[in-house]
Amino acid sequence: MGLSKRILITGSNGLLGQKLIQQLHPHPNFELIATSRGENRIKKLKGFEYHSLDICSQKDVNDLIDQTLPDIVINTAAMTNVDACESDREACWKLNVDAVSYLIEACEKHQSHLIHISTDFIFDGKNGPYSEEDEPNPLSYYGKSKLASEELVRKAQTKWAILRTVLVYGIVEDMSRSNIVLWAKGALEKKQNLKIVNDQFRTPTLAEDLAVACVLAAEKEAQGIYNISGKDFMSIYELVKRVAAYYQLDTDTLQEVSSADLDQPANRPPVTGFVLDKAIKDLGYKPHSFEEGIATLERQLL
């Protein structure tokens, strides 16, 4: 790869966005352009461009990409709260679909390589873990919006890659929302009574692993769809028990329940998780085990 390609990240204030900034700064092959809504939340790293960007504004997207001329765009921005997407469908579609169409159009104009993040929630969870070739059938509005964005990306007249992921966890500066590992640790430490589903199965993903996969896709100019997740397959109930075991916390307050007992607004796919062979072979992706992931998080909490 030639020297110093320009790489633009959307959603740089989010969990994955911040991990990408950490991975790419400094990087011998990339000049970094970070974009997110509002002020830059990453205070500890300096020496990269930051632009406030609302990707729901077509004009702002076009103007910024015309101005910065990125070789690669990594789109990490999305509305990912599954129940909020169900209740505010307009906001969900705006950010997860319309905004993606604006990014595609701007990338096509400059022939930028678009790397787009998607989700296991495009599947109905009847036949997981899934490979890249399996047929999507989303159960929730969130899943439908992410599948619609994938369909747009696949038609793009520029280089593209879609990285699908599962239940991302990690820790960064000034986090706007928690994630399942941190939440479970906090709740177990407080001995809260917890109802945890035992009929949803996932391959939880360390945010660092997903960020590394994005960088690998950029470096290798990867095209097509790739599954990126952790390698350990477990129920949500087992996940919380493994967090408890790692921190030697009491599990007496844990109660196993089924998804039906929780009565959540959006349907969740029962069994997802990913087959990772393609990403391992083509990208050199090397996911951590779940316990290694918790250890990574723990080092950052110190």
C-alpha atoms as a PDB file:
ATOM      1  CA  MET A   1       0.000   0.000   0.000  1.00  0.00           C
ATOM      2  CA  GLY A   2       1.225   3.484  -0.850  1.00  0.00           C
ATOM      3  CA  LEU A   3       2.206   5.920   1.830  1.00  0.00           C
ATOM      4  CA  SER A   4      -0.288   7.989   3.757  1.00  0.00           C
ATOM      5  CA  LYS A   5      -3.814   7.231   2.653  1.00  0.00           C
ATOM      6  CA  ARG A   6      -6.455   9.496   4.148  1.00  0.00           C
ATOM      7  CA  ILE A   7      -8.975   7.653   6.282  1.00  0.00           C
ATOM      8  CA  LEU A   8     -12.190   9.254   7.551  1.00  0.00           C
ATOM      9  CA  ILE A   9     -14.138   7.782  10.473  1.00  0.00           C
ATOM     10  CA  THR A  10     -17.773   8.606  11.201  1.00  0.00           C
ATOM     11  CA  GLY A  11     -19.022   8.251  14.767  1.00  0.00           C
ATOM     12  CA  SER A  12     -15.535   8.791  16.195  1.00  0.00           C
ATOM     13  CA  ASN A  13     -16.919   9.646  19.668  1.00  0.00           C
ATOM     14  CA  GLY A  14     -18.550   6.206  20.015  1.00  0.00           C
ATOM     15  CA  LEU A  15     -17.027   3.009  21.394  1.00  0.00           C
ATOM     16  CA  LEU A  16     -15.783   1.608  18.073  1.00  0.00           C
ATOM     17  CA  GLY A  17     -14.915   5.074  16.776  1.00  0.00           C
ATOM     18  CA  GLN A  18     -12.628   5.786  19.722  1.00  0.00           C
ATOM     19  CA  LYS A  19     -10.969   2.366  19.440  1.00  0.00           C
ATOM     20  CA  LEU A  20     -10.304   3.077  15.764  1.00  0.00           C
ATOM     21  CA  ILE A  21      -8.682   6.413  16.605  1.00  0.00           C
ATOM     22  CA  GLN A  22      -6.443   4.576  19.093  1.00  0.00           C
ATOM     23  CA  GLN A  23      -5.520   1.936  16.480  1.00  0.00           C
ATOM     24  CA  LEU A  24      -4.809   4.454  13.732  1.00  0.00           C
ATOM     25  CA  HIS A  25      -3.018   7.166  15.696  1.00  0.00           C
ATOM     26  CA  PRO A  26      -0.251   7.302  14.856  1.00  0.00           C
ATOM     27  CA  HIS A  27      -0.169   4.910  11.876  1.00  0.00           C
ATOM     28  CA  PRO A  28       2.559   4.859   9.217  1.00  0.00           C
ATOM     29  CA  ASN A  29       0.111   4.404   6.333  1.00  0.00           C
ATOM     30  CA  PHE A  30      -2.858   6.580   7.280  1.00  0.00           C
ATOM     31  CA  GLU A  31      -3.693  10.231   7.857  1.00  0.00           C
ATOM     32  CA  LEU A  32      -6.634  10.332  10.219  1.00  0.00           C
ATOM     33  CA  ILE A  33      -9.829  12.379   9.908  1.00  0.00           C
ATOM     34  CA  ALA A  34     -12.234  11.874  12.825  1.00  0.00           C
ATOM     35  CA  THR A  35     -15.859  13.006  12.592  1.00  0.00           C
ATOM     36  CA  SER A  36     -18.770  12.821  15.003  1.00  0.00           C
ATOM     37  CA  ARG A  37     -21.679  14.927  16.226  1.00  0.00           C
ATOM     38  CA  GLY A  38     -20.710  17.726  18.590  1.00  0.00           C
ATOM     39  CA  GLU A  39     -17.313  18.203  20.198  1.00  0.00           C
ATOM     40  CA  ASN A  40     -14.425  15.772  20.024  1.00  0.00           C
ATOM     41  CA  ARG A  41     -14.624  13.567  23.143  1.00  0.00           C
ATOM     42  CA  ILE A  42     -11.150  12.090  22.694  1.00  0.00           C
ATOM     43  CA  LYS A  43      -8.994  14.301  24.882  1.00  0.00           C
ATOM     44  CA  LYS A  44      -5.920  12.113  25.425  1.00  0.00           C
ATOM     45  CA  LEU A  45      -4.793  11.846  21.793  1.00  0.00           C
ATOM     46  CA  LYS A  46      -3.704  14.809  19.692  1.00  0.00           C
ATOM     47  CA  GLY A  47      -2.464  15.282  16.156  1.00  0.00           C
ATOM     48  CA  PHE A  48      -5.420  14.213  14.033  1.00  0.00           C
ATOM     49  CA  GLU A  49      -8.068  16.204  12.178  1.00  0.00           C
ATOM     50  CA  TYR A  50     -11.479  16.453  13.849  1.00  0.00           C
ATOM     51  CA  HIS A  51     -14.651  17.762  12.232  1.00  0.00           C
ATOM     52  CA  SER A  52     -18.107  17.931  13.785  1.00  0.00           C
ATOM     53  CA  LEU A  53     -20.427  16.151  11.342  1.00  0.00           C
ATOM     54  CA  ASP A  54     -24.102  15.267  11.298  1.00  0.00           C
ATOM     55  CA  ILE A  55     -24.207  12.451   8.750  1.00  0.00           C
ATOM     56  CA  CYS A  56     -27.986  12.874   8.512  1.00  0.00           C
ATOM     57  CA  SER A  57     -27.323  16.095   6.570  1.00  0.00           C
ATOM     58  CA  GLN A  58     -26.582  15.283   2.934  1.00  0.00           C
ATOM     59  CA  LYS A  59     -25.063  18.736   2.362  1.00  0.00           C
ATOM     60  CA  ASP A  60     -22.722  18.415   5.370  1.00  0.00           C
ATOM     61  CA  VAL A  61     -21.577  14.947   4.255  1.00  0.00           C
ATOM     62  CA  ASN A  62     -20.890  16.133   0.691  1.00  0.00           C
ATOM     63  CA  ASP A  63     -19.137  19.308   1.817  1.00  0.00           C
ATOM     64  CA  LEU A  64     -16.859  17.507   4.264  1.00  0.00           C
ATOM     65  CA  ILE A  65     -15.889  14.694   1.900  1.00  0.00           C
ATOM     66  CA  ASP A  66     -15.259  17.229  -0.878  1.00  0.00           C
ATOM     67  CA  GLN A  67     -13.056  19.146   1.562  1.00  0.00           C
ATOM     68  CA  THR A  68     -11.128  16.233   3.139  1.00  0.00           C
ATOM     69  CA  LEU A  69     -10.912  13.871   0.116  1.00  0.00           C
ATOM     70  CA  PRO A  70     -10.563  10.592   2.062  1.00  0.00           C
ATOM     71  CA  ASP A  71      -9.258   7.464   0.335  1.00  0.00           C
ATOM     72  CA  ILE A  72     -11.194   5.344   2.851  1.00  0.00           C
ATOM     73  CA  VAL A  73     -14.366   6.012   4.868  1.00  0.00           C
ATOM     74  CA  ILE A  74     -15.211   3.795   7.862  1.00  0.00           C
ATOM     75  CA  ASN A  75     -18.833   4.271   8.906  1.00  0.00           C
ATOM     76  CA  THR A  76     -19.246   3.397  12.587  1.00  0.00           C
ATOM     77  CA  ALA A  77     -22.173   5.801  13.184  1.00  0.00           C
ATOM     78  CA  ALA A  78     -25.549   4.121  13.753  1.00  0.00           C
ATOM     79  CA  MET A  79     -28.592   4.047  16.005  1.00  0.00           C
ATOM     80  CA  THR A  80     -28.018   0.731  17.781  1.00  0.00           C
ATOM     81  CA  ASN A  81     -30.443   0.788  20.712  1.00  0.00           C
ATOM     82  CA  VAL A  82     -32.784  -1.927  19.444  1.00  0.00           C
ATOM     83  CA  ASP A  83     -35.849  -0.894  21.471  1.00  0.00           C
ATOM     84  CA  ALA A  84     -35.361   2.819  20.698  1.00  0.00           C
ATOM     85  CA  CYS A  85     -35.217   1.941  16.976  1.00  0.00           C
ATOM     86  CA  GLU A  86     -38.517   0.093  17.356  1.00  0.00           C
ATOM     87  CA  SER A  87     -40.254   3.092  18.963  1.00  0.00           C
ATOM     88  CA  ASP A  88     -38.610   5.917  16.940  1.00  0.00           C
ATOM     89  CA  ARG A  89     -38.524   4.423  13.484  1.00  0.00           C
ATOM     90  CA  GLU A  90     -38.046   7.726  11.711  1.00  0.00           C
ATOM     91  CA  ALA A  91     -34.824   8.554  13.606  1.00  0.00           C
ATOM     92  CA  CYS A  92     -33.599   4.983  13.114  1.00  0.00           C
ATOM     93  CA  TRP A  93     -34.125   5.054   9.337  1.00  0.00           C
ATOM     94  CA  LYS A  94     -32.575   8.517   9.040  1.00  0.00           C
ATOM     95  CA  LEU A  95     -29.306   7.504  10.687  1.00  0.00           C
ATOM     96  CA  ASN A  96     -29.080   3.841   9.669  1.00  0.00           C
ATOM     97  CA  VAL A  97     -30.256   4.107   6.048  1.00  0.00           C
ATOM     98  CA  ASP A  98     -30.609   7.658   4.681  1.00  0.00           C
ATOM     99  CA  ALA A  99     -27.242   8.761   6.106  1.00  0.00           C
ATOM    100  CA  VAL A 100     -25.590   5.688   4.561  1.00  0.00           C
ATOM    101  CA  SER A 101     -26.988   6.646   1.149  1.00  0.00           C
ATOM    102  CA  TYR A 102     -25.370  10.105   1.526  1.00  0.00           C
ATOM    103  CA  LEU A 103     -22.009   8.531   2.430  1.00  0.00           C
ATOM    104  CA  ILE A 104     -22.226   6.152  -0.540  1.00  0.00           C
ATOM    105  CA  GLU A 105     -22.936   8.998  -2.963  1.00  0.00           C
ATOM    106  CA  ALA A 106     -20.001  11.037  -1.622  1.00  0.00           C
ATOM    107  CA  CYS A 107     -17.696   7.975  -1.729  1.00  0.00           C
ATOM    108  CA  GLU A 108     -18.761   7.211  -5.309  1.00  0.00           C
ATOM    109  CA  LYS A 109     -17.908  10.780  -6.359  1.00  0.00           C
ATOM    110  CA  HIS A 110     -14.333  10.440  -5.083  1.00  0.00           C
ATOM    111  CA  GLN A 111     -13.990   6.647  -5.441  1.00  0.00           C
ATOM    112  CA  SER A 112     -13.327   6.313  -1.700  1.00  0.00           C
ATOM    113  CA  HIS A 113     -13.305   2.795  -0.225  1.00  0.00           C
ATOM    114  CA  LEU A 114     -16.370   2.511   2.050  1.00  0.00           C
ATOM    115  CA  ILE A 115     -16.167   0.183   5.068  1.00  0.00           C
ATOM    116  CA  HIS A 116     -19.588  -0.139   6.700  1.00  0.00           C
ATOM    117  CA  ILE A 117     -20.446  -1.769  10.052  1.00  0.00           C
ATOM    118  CA  SER A 118     -23.462  -4.066  10.227  1.00  0.00           C
ATOM    119  CA  THR A 119     -24.951  -6.519  12.717  1.00  0.00           C
ATOM    120  CA  ASP A 120     -26.065 -10.065  13.518  1.00  0.00           C
ATOM    121  CA  PHE A 121     -29.582  -8.637  14.008  1.00  0.00           C
ATOM    122  CA  ILE A 122     -30.168  -8.872  10.241  1.00  0.00           C
ATOM    123  CA  PHE A 123     -30.800 -12.601  10.952  1.00  0.00           C
ATOM    124  CA  ASP A 124     -33.838 -14.233  12.574  1.00  0.00           C
ATOM    125  CA  GLY A 125     -31.719 -16.365  14.925  1.00  0.00           C
ATOM    126  CA  LYS A 126     -33.186 -19.730  13.889  1.00  0.00           C
ATOM    127  CA  ASN A 127     -29.963 -21.151  12.433  1.00  0.00           C
ATOM    128  CA  GLY A 128     -26.979 -19.435  14.112  1.00  0.00           C
ATOM    129  CA  PRO A 129     -24.034 -19.201  14.189  1.00  0.00           C
ATOM    130  CA  TYR A 130     -24.104 -17.634  10.717  1.00  0.00           C
ATOM    131  CA  SER A 131     -21.698 -17.473   7.785  1.00  0.00           C
ATOM    132  CA  GLU A 132     -21.475 -14.568   5.328  1.00  0.00           C
ATOM    133  CA  GLU A 133     -23.611 -16.466   2.783  1.00  0.00           C
ATOM    134  CA  ASP A 134     -26.605 -17.127   5.057  1.00  0.00           C
ATOM    135  CA  GLU A 135     -29.936 -15.537   4.188  1.00  0.00           C
ATOM    136  CA  PRO A 136     -30.918 -12.472   6.285  1.00  0.00           C
ATOM    137  CA  ASN A 137     -34.412 -12.234   7.792  1.00  0.00           C
ATOM    138  CA  PRO A 138     -34.527  -9.450  10.424  1.00  0.00           C
ATOM    139  CA  LEU A 139     -37.037  -9.578  13.305  1.00  0.00           C
ATOM    140  CA  SER A 140     -36.725  -5.959  14.507  1.00  0.00           C
ATOM    141  CA  TYR A 141     -36.899  -2.526  12.903  1.00  0.00           C
ATOM    142  CA  TYR A 142     -33.229  -2.058  13.837  1.00  0.00           C
ATOM    143  CA  GLY A 143     -32.366  -5.255  11.946  1.00  0.00           C
ATOM    144  CA  LYS A 144     -34.461  -4.146   8.970  1.00  0.00           C
ATOM    145  CA  SER A 145     -32.718  -0.759   8.861  1.00  0.00           C
ATOM    146  CA  LYS A 146     -29.255  -2.348   8.970  1.00  0.00           C
ATOM    147  CA  LEU A 147     -30.173  -4.822   6.222  1.00  0.00           C
ATOM    148  CA  ALA A 148     -31.495  -1.947   4.095  1.00  0.00           C
ATOM    149  CA  SER A 149     -28.166  -0.124   4.561  1.00  0.00           C
ATOM    150  CA  GLU A 150     -26.266  -3.287   3.542  1.00  0.00           C
ATOM    151  CA  GLU A 151     -28.345  -3.506   0.363  1.00  0.00           C
ATOM    152  CA  LEU A 152     -27.445   0.097  -0.489  1.00  0.00           C
ATOM    153  CA  VAL A 153     -23.732  -0.511   0.139  1.00  0.00           C
ATOM    154  CA  ARG A 154     -23.726  -3.655  -2.015  1.00  0.00           C
ATOM    155  CA  LYS A 155     -24.973  -1.608  -4.983  1.00  0.00           C
ATOM    156  CA  ALA A 156     -22.363   1.143  -4.493  1.00  0.00           C
ATOM    157  CA  GLN A 157     -20.286   2.080  -7.546  1.00  0.00           C
ATOM    158  CA  THR A 158     -17.095   2.223  -5.507  1.00  0.00           C
ATOM    159  CA  LYS A 159     -15.029  -0.242  -3.470  1.00  0.00           C
ATOM    160  CA  TRP A 160     -16.939  -1.423  -0.389  1.00  0.00           C
ATOM    161  CA  ALA A 161     -16.732  -3.839   2.517  1.00  0.00           C
ATOM    162  CA  ILE A 162     -19.393  -4.707   5.089  1.00  0.00           C
ATOM    163  CA  LEU A 163     -18.169  -5.862   8.506  1.00  0.00           C
ATOM    164  CA  ARG A 164     -20.953  -7.530  10.496  1.00  0.00           C
ATOM    165  CA  THR A 165     -20.490  -7.783  14.242  1.00  0.00           C
ATOM    166  CA  VAL A 166     -22.152  -9.073  17.435  1.00  0.00           C
ATOM    167  CA  LEU A 167     -22.701  -7.550  20.908  1.00  0.00           C
ATOM    168  CA  VAL A 168     -19.680  -5.220  21.126  1.00  0.00           C
ATOM    169  CA  TYR A 169     -18.177  -4.456  24.546  1.00  0.00           C
ATOM    170  CA  GLY A 170     -15.320  -2.272  25.746  1.00  0.00           C
ATOM    171  CA  ILE A 171     -14.502   0.974  27.529  1.00  0.00           C
ATOM    172  CA  VAL A 172     -13.493   4.433  26.292  1.00  0.00           C
ATOM    173  CA  GLU A 173     -13.304   8.064  27.411  1.00  0.00           C
ATOM    174  CA  ASP A 174     -16.565   9.846  28.185  1.00  0.00           C
ATOM    175  CA  MET A 175     -18.839   6.930  27.268  1.00  0.00           C
ATOM    176  CA  SER A 176     -22.374   7.922  26.291  1.00  0.00           C
ATOM    177  CA  ARG A 177     -23.768   4.452  27.060  1.00  0.00           C
ATOM    178  CA  SER A 178     -22.611   1.316  28.821  1.00  0.00           C
ATOM    179  CA  ASN A 179     -22.333  -2.197  27.389  1.00  0.00           C
ATOM    180  CA  ILE A 180     -23.162  -5.634  28.679  1.00  0.00           C
ATOM    181  CA  VAL A 181     -19.845  -6.540  30.333  1.00  0.00           C
ATOM    182  CA  LEU A 182     -19.519  -3.268  32.272  1.00  0.00           C
ATOM    183  CA  TRP A 183     -23.216  -3.361  33.163  1.00  0.00           C
ATOM    184  CA  ALA A 184     -23.006  -6.963  34.436  1.00  0.00           C
ATOM    185  CA  LYS A 185     -19.879  -6.219  36.500  1.00  0.00           C
ATOM    186  CA  GLY A 186     -21.487  -3.134  38.092  1.00  0.00           C
ATOM    187  CA  ALA A 187     -24.794  -4.872  38.845  1.00  0.00           C
ATOM    188  CA  LEU A 188     -23.109  -7.969  40.317  1.00  0.00           C
ATOM    189  CA  GLU A 189     -20.866  -5.810  42.525  1.00  0.00           C
ATOM    190  CA  LYS A 190     -23.979  -4.059  43.882  1.00  0.00           C
ATOM    191  CA  LYS A 191     -25.700  -7.457  44.391  1.00  0.00           C
ATOM    192  CA  GLN A 192     -28.677  -6.314  42.342  1.00  0.00           C
ATOM    193  CA  ASN A 193     -31.392  -8.843  41.525  1.00  0.00           C
ATOM    194  CA  LEU A 194     -30.853  -9.607  37.847  1.00  0.00           C
ATOM    195  CA  LYS A 195     -33.162 -11.334  35.380  1.00  0.00           C
ATOM    196  CA  ILE A 196     -30.939 -12.610  32.571  1.00  0.00           C
ATOM    197  CA  VAL A 197     -32.130 -14.337  29.397  1.00  0.00           C
ATOM    198  CA  ASN A 198     -30.952 -17.912  28.862  1.00  0.00           C
ATOM    199  CA  ASP A 199     -32.386 -18.391  25.346  1.00  0.00           C
ATOM    200  CA  GLN A 200     -30.371 -15.781  23.420  1.00  0.00           C
ATOM    201  CA  PHE A 201     -26.931 -16.937  22.225  1.00  0.00           C
ATOM    202  CA  ARG A 202     -24.163 -14.690  20.866  1.00  0.00           C
ATOM    203  CA  THR A 203     -20.417 -14.419  20.142  1.00  0.00           C
ATOM    204  CA  PRO A 204     -19.592 -11.200  22.093  1.00  0.00           C
ATOM    205  CA  THR A 205     -17.043  -8.915  20.411  1.00  0.00           C
ATOM    206  CA  LEU A 206     -14.225  -6.976  22.069  1.00  0.00           C
ATOM    207  CA  ALA A 207     -14.260  -3.429  20.639  1.00  0.00           C
ATOM    208  CA  GLU A 208     -10.485  -3.598  20.047  1.00  0.00           C
ATOM    209  CA  ASP A 209     -10.945  -6.718  17.890  1.00  0.00           C
ATOM    210  CA  LEU A 210     -13.558  -4.995  15.740  1.00  0.00           C
ATOM    211  CA  ALA A 211     -11.331  -1.913  15.377  1.00  0.00           C
ATOM    212  CA  VAL A 212      -8.366  -4.077  14.321  1.00  0.00           C
ATOM    213  CA  ALA A 213     -10.599  -5.806  11.754  1.00  0.00           C
ATOM    214  CA  CYS A 214     -11.595  -2.407  10.303  1.00  0.00           C
ATOM    215  CA  VAL A 215      -7.920  -1.448   9.971  1.00  0.00           C
ATOM    216  CA  LEU A 216      -7.086  -4.811   8.360  1.00  0.00           C
ATOM    217  CA  ALA A 217      -9.933  -4.291   5.873  1.00  0.00           C
ATOM    218  CA  ALA A 218      -8.562  -0.819   5.060  1.00  0.00           C
ATOM    219  CA  GLU A 219      -4.962  -2.026   4.721  1.00  0.00           C
ATOM    220  CA  LYS A 220      -5.903  -4.972   2.512  1.00  0.00           C
ATOM    221  CA  GLU A 221      -8.471  -2.956   0.524  1.00  0.00           C
ATOM    222  CA  ALA A 222     -10.936  -5.732   1.362  1.00  0.00           C
ATOM    223  CA  GLN A 223     -14.152  -6.006  -0.588  1.00  0.00           C
ATOM    224  CA  GLY A 224     -17.297  -7.954   0.224  1.00  0.00           C
ATOM    225  CA  ILE A 225     -18.934  -9.081   3.473  1.00  0.00           C
ATOM    226  CA  TYR A 226     -16.982 -10.233   6.552  1.00  0.00           C
ATOM    227  CA  ASN A 227     -18.167 -11.607   9.875  1.00  0.00           C
ATOM    228  CA  ILE A 228     -16.254 -10.029  12.766  1.00  0.00           C
ATOM    229  CA  SER A 229     -16.965 -11.101  16.344  1.00  0.00           C
ATOM    230  CA  GLY A 230     -15.527 -12.922  19.317  1.00  0.00           C
ATOM    231  CA  LYS A 231     -14.866 -16.644  18.973  1.00  0.00           C
ATOM    232  CA  ASP A 232     -16.660 -17.803  22.151  1.00  0.00           C
ATOM    233  CA  PHE A 233     -20.332 -18.755  21.711  1.00  0.00           C
ATOM    234  CA  MET A 234     -22.530 -18.394  24.799  1.00  0.00           C
ATOM    235  CA  SER A 235     -25.960 -17.456  26.115  1.00  0.00           C
ATOM    236  CA  ILE A 236     -26.438 -14.033  27.697  1.00  0.00           C
ATOM    237  CA  TYR A 237     -26.925 -15.837  31.026  1.00  0.00           C
ATOM    238  CA  GLU A 238     -23.598 -17.645  30.582  1.00  0.00           C
ATOM    239  CA  LEU A 239     -21.940 -14.354  29.619  1.00  0.00           C
ATOM    240  CA  VAL A 240     -23.009 -12.762  32.922  1.00  0.00           C
ATOM    241  CA  LYS A 241     -21.871 -15.873  34.830  1.00  0.00           C
ATOM    242  CA  ARG A 242     -18.471 -15.699  33.104  1.00  0.00           C
ATOM    243  CA  VAL A 243     -18.131 -12.026  34.084  1.00  0.00           C
ATOM    244  CA  ALA A 244     -18.989 -13.038  37.666  1.00  0.00           C
ATOM    245  CA  ALA A 245     -16.448 -15.883  37.593  1.00  0.00           C
ATOM    246  CA  TYR A 246     -13.707 -13.593  36.240  1.00  0.00           C
ATOM    247  CA  TYR A 247     -14.250 -11.065  39.050  1.00  0.00           C
ATOM    248  CA  GLN A 248     -15.088 -13.760  41.658  1.00  0.00           C
ATOM    249  CA  LEU A 249     -18.485 -12.202  42.290  1.00  0.00           C
ATOM    250  CA  ASP A 250     -21.489 -13.901  43.855  1.00  0.00           C
ATOM    251  CA  THR A 251     -24.215 -15.093  41.434  1.00  0.00           C
ATOM    252  CA  ASP A 252     -26.965 -15.693  44.037  1.00  0.00           C
ATOM    253  CA  THR A 253     -28.908 -12.672  42.740  1.00  0.00           C
ATOM    254  CA  LEU A 254     -28.984 -14.028  39.161  1.00  0.00           C
ATOM    255  CA  GLN A 255     -32.255 -15.377  37.844  1.00  0.00           C
ATOM    256  CA  GLU A 256     -32.559 -17.185  34.497  1.00  0.00           C
ATOM    257  CA  VAL A 257     -35.522 -16.041  32.402  1.00  0.00           C
ATOM    258  CA  SER A 258     -36.704 -16.536  28.831  1.00  0.00           C
ATOM    259  CA  SER A 259     -36.973 -13.710  26.285  1.00  0.00           C
ATOM    260  CA  ALA A 260     -40.763 -13.902  26.542  1.00  0.00           C
ATOM    261  CA  ASP A 261     -40.536 -13.068  30.279  1.00  0.00           C
ATOM    262  CA  LEU A 262     -38.802  -9.744  29.564  1.00  0.00           C
ATOM    263  CA  ASP A 263     -41.474  -8.359  27.227  1.00  0.00           C
ATOM    264  CA  GLN A 264     -39.065  -6.058  25.351  1.00  0.00           C
ATOM    265  CA  PRO A 265     -40.468  -3.763  22.607  1.00  0.00           C
ATOM    266  CA  ALA A 266     -38.227  -5.252  19.878  1.00  0.00           C
ATOM    267  CA  ASN A 267     -37.836  -8.943  19.052  1.00  0.00           C
ATOM    268  CA  ARG A 268     -34.319 -10.332  19.415  1.00  0.00           C
ATOM    269  CA  PRO A 269     -32.978 -13.227  17.330  1.00  0.00           C
ATOM    270  CA  PRO A 270     -32.535 -16.256  19.640  1.00  0.00           C
ATOM    271  CA  VAL A 271     -29.311 -17.791  18.271  1.00  0.00           C
ATOM    272  CA  THR A 272     -26.825 -15.707  16.297  1.00  0.00           C
ATOM    273  CA  GLY A 273     -23.048 -15.651  16.594  1.00  0.00           C
ATOM    274  CA  PHE A 274     -20.713 -15.884  13.622  1.00  0.00           C
ATOM    275  CA  VAL A 275     -18.552 -18.312  11.708  1.00  0.00           C
ATOM    276  CA  LEU A 276     -15.263 -16.392  11.378  1.00  0.00           C
ATOM    277  CA  ASP A 277     -13.307 -18.532   8.883  1.00  0.00           C
ATOM    278  CA  LYS A 278     -13.427 -15.979   6.034  1.00  0.00           C
ATOM    279  CA  ALA A 279     -12.143 -13.053   8.144  1.00  0.00           C
ATOM    280  CA  ILE A 280      -9.410 -15.222   9.694  1.00  0.00           C
ATOM    281  CA  LYS A 281      -8.268 -16.462   6.259  1.00  0.00           C
ATOM    282  CA  ASP A 282      -8.651 -13.283   4.153  1.00  0.00           C
ATOM    283  CA  LEU A 283      -7.918 -10.532   6.681  1.00  0.00           C
ATOM    284  CA  GLY A 284      -5.681 -12.322   9.202  1.00  0.00           C
ATOM    285  CA  TYR A 285      -8.268 -11.569  11.902  1.00  0.00           C
ATOM    286  CA  LYS A 286      -7.358 -12.990  15.346  1.00  0.00           C
ATOM    287  CA  PRO A 287     -10.150 -12.579  17.898  1.00  0.00           C
ATOM    288  CA  HIS A 288      -9.485 -12.748  21.637  1.00  0.00           C
ATOM    289  CA  SER A 289     -11.254 -15.178  23.917  1.00  0.00           C
ATOM    290  CA  PHE A 290     -13.999 -13.698  26.106  1.00  0.00           C
ATOM    291  CA  GLU A 291     -11.814 -13.871  29.235  1.00  0.00           C
ATOM    292  CA  GLU A 292      -8.929 -12.183  27.374  1.00  0.00           C
ATOM    293  CA  GLY A 293     -11.431  -9.486  26.384  1.00  0.00           C
ATOM    294  CA  ILE A 294     -12.464  -8.892  30.002  1.00  0.00           C
ATOM    295  CA  ALA A 295      -8.776  -8.715  30.955  1.00  0.00           C
ATOM    296  CA  THR A 296      -8.240  -6.025  28.279  1.00  0.00           C
ATOM    297  CA  LEU A 297     -11.162  -4.054  29.706  1.00  0.00           C
ATOM    298  CA  GLU A 298      -9.847  -4.492  33.245  1.00  0.00           C
ATOM    299  CA  ARG A 299      -6.428  -3.043  32.339  1.00  0.00           C
ATOM    300  CA  GLN A 300      -8.171   0.046  30.968  1.00  0.00           C
ATOM    301  CA  LEU A 301     -10.293   0.474  34.101  1.00  0.00           C
ATOM    302  CA  LEU A 302      -7.192   0.750  36.313  1.00  0.00           C
END
